[in-house]
Protein backbone atom coordinates (compact mmCIF):
# COMPACT_ATOMS: atom_id res chain seq x y z
CA GLN A 1 7.81 -9.71 -45.72
CA VAL A 2 7.00 -10.43 -42.09
CA GLN A 3 9.15 -13.26 -40.86
CA LEU A 4 8.29 -13.51 -37.16
CA VAL A 5 4.77 -13.16 -35.81
CA GLU A 6 4.12 -13.47 -32.09
CA SER A 7 0.66 -13.67 -30.56
CA GLY A 8 -1.23 -14.91 -27.52
CA GLY A 9 -0.43 -12.13 -25.09
CA GLY A 10 -2.93 -10.50 -22.81
CA LEU A 11 -3.82 -9.52 -19.28
CA VAL A 12 -3.69 -12.27 -16.69
CA GLN A 13 -3.76 -12.41 -12.91
CA ALA A 14 -0.74 -13.48 -10.94
CA GLY A 15 -0.61 -17.26 -10.77
CA GLY A 16 -2.30 -17.63 -14.12
CA SER A 17 -1.05 -19.10 -17.37
CA LEU A 18 -0.64 -18.05 -20.99
CA THR A 19 0.76 -19.76 -24.05
CA LEU A 20 2.44 -17.65 -26.70
CA PRO A 21 2.77 -18.97 -30.25
CA CYS A 22 5.29 -17.63 -32.74
CA ALA A 23 5.14 -18.27 -36.48
CA ALA A 24 8.53 -18.12 -38.16
CA SER A 25 9.53 -18.20 -41.78
CA GLY A 26 11.42 -21.24 -42.94
CA THR A 27 14.66 -19.36 -43.46
CA ILE A 28 14.69 -18.37 -39.80
CA PHE A 29 13.34 -21.53 -38.27
CA SER A 30 14.78 -24.49 -40.12
CA GLY A 31 17.75 -26.06 -38.37
CA ASN A 32 18.17 -23.13 -36.00
CA THR A 33 17.96 -22.73 -32.28
CA MET A 34 14.96 -20.57 -31.50
CA GLY A 35 14.45 -18.38 -28.49
CA TRP A 36 11.93 -16.31 -26.62
CA TYR A 37 12.91 -12.89 -25.36
CA ARG A 38 11.15 -10.20 -23.38
CA GLN A 39 11.49 -6.51 -22.78
CA ALA A 40 9.93 -4.81 -19.80
CA PRO A 41 9.39 -1.03 -19.74
CA GLY A 42 12.65 0.79 -19.17
CA LYS A 43 14.71 -2.40 -19.35
CA GLN A 44 16.84 -4.11 -21.95
CA ARG A 45 15.57 -7.05 -23.90
CA GLU A 46 16.46 -10.29 -22.13
CA LEU A 47 16.64 -13.89 -23.17
CA VAL A 48 13.99 -16.08 -21.56
CA ALA A 49 14.26 -19.51 -23.14
CA THR A 50 15.86 -21.34 -26.05
CA MET A 51 15.29 -24.60 -27.83
CA THR A 52 17.64 -26.21 -30.34
CA SER A 53 16.39 -27.86 -33.49
CA GLY A 54 17.06 -31.15 -31.74
CA GLY A 55 14.91 -30.28 -28.76
CA ARG A 56 17.40 -29.25 -26.11
CA THR A 57 16.06 -26.46 -23.92
CA ASN A 58 17.54 -23.80 -21.70
CA TYR A 59 15.91 -21.19 -19.48
CA ALA A 60 16.67 -18.02 -17.62
CA ASP A 61 16.82 -18.62 -13.88
CA SER A 62 13.89 -16.27 -13.37
CA VAL A 63 11.52 -18.51 -15.35
CA LYS A 64 12.98 -21.95 -14.77
CA GLY A 65 10.33 -24.36 -13.57
CA ARG A 66 7.50 -22.06 -14.67
CA PHE A 67 7.95 -21.58 -18.44
CA ILE A 68 8.19 -24.25 -21.11
CA ILE A 69 9.46 -23.65 -24.63
CA SER A 70 8.47 -26.00 -27.41
CA ARG A 71 8.52 -26.09 -31.18
CA ASP A 72 6.69 -27.75 -34.04
CA ASN A 73 9.25 -28.19 -36.79
CA ALA A 74 6.67 -29.16 -39.40
CA LYS A 75 4.63 -26.02 -38.79
CA LYS A 76 7.64 -23.78 -38.13
CA MET A 77 6.10 -22.67 -34.86
CA VAL A 78 7.67 -21.92 -31.49
CA TYR A 79 5.64 -21.80 -28.30
CA LEU A 80 6.18 -20.44 -24.82
CA GLN A 81 3.93 -21.88 -22.15
CA MET A 82 4.00 -19.59 -19.14
CA ASN A 83 2.69 -20.86 -15.82
CA SER A 84 2.56 -19.37 -12.33
CA LEU A 85 2.91 -15.93 -13.82
CA LYS A 86 4.21 -13.10 -11.68
CA PRO A 87 3.85 -9.32 -12.06
CA GLU A 88 7.56 -9.16 -12.88
CA ASP A 89 6.88 -11.26 -15.99
CA THR A 90 5.07 -8.26 -17.46
CA ALA A 91 6.81 -7.41 -20.74
CA VAL A 92 6.59 -7.52 -24.48
CA TYR A 93 7.58 -11.00 -25.58
CA TYR A 94 9.42 -11.73 -28.83
CA CYS A 95 10.71 -14.80 -30.58
CA ASN A 96 13.82 -14.91 -32.71
CA LYS A 97 16.85 -17.05 -33.33
CA GLY A 98 18.78 -18.18 -30.32
CA SER A 99 22.14 -19.74 -29.63
CA VAL A 100 23.07 -23.23 -28.56
CA VAL A 101 25.29 -21.55 -26.00
CA TRP A 102 23.17 -19.47 -23.62
CA GLY A 103 23.64 -15.80 -24.22
CA ALA A 104 26.18 -16.18 -27.00
CA PRO A 105 26.14 -13.56 -29.77
CA THR A 106 23.38 -14.33 -32.23
CA LEU A 107 22.69 -13.10 -35.73
CA TYR A 108 19.07 -12.14 -35.21
CA ALA A 109 16.41 -11.91 -37.84
CA ASP A 110 14.39 -8.71 -37.99
CA TRP A 111 12.33 -8.50 -34.82
CA GLY A 112 8.60 -8.96 -35.00
CA GLN A 113 6.08 -6.73 -33.28
CA GLY A 114 6.04 -8.85 -30.15
CA THR A 115 3.08 -9.60 -27.94
CA GLN A 116 2.28 -7.80 -24.69
CA VAL A 117 1.91 -9.83 -21.52
CA THR A 118 0.62 -8.03 -18.46
CA VAL A 119 0.39 -9.79 -15.13
CA SER A 120 -1.69 -8.10 -12.45
CA SER A 121 -1.09 -8.65 -8.76
């Protein structure tokens, strides 16, 4: 049973925008902090943004002021609005559980397939 489904990726020019939706199963989503992560070629997966069930957000310094995380609790959806995209934002983007404390150990659900974002210069 697929529990996390990311979509919305694509090829975009630098300075452009994309919004990534993620559908999560109720067991993963309900009451949990959710996060967006990304993994660039040859690099480790990194945390990009988190949002608690109560709406508190946190961002990596590299995306602060450009990305916005949001969630629809009724639909069990998490979104990542990405603005002013840069070539260094190129990566596969994933959603999963997050932590209220930035970077704290998290018991992740099985990772979805992710969605590829490619930013051309």
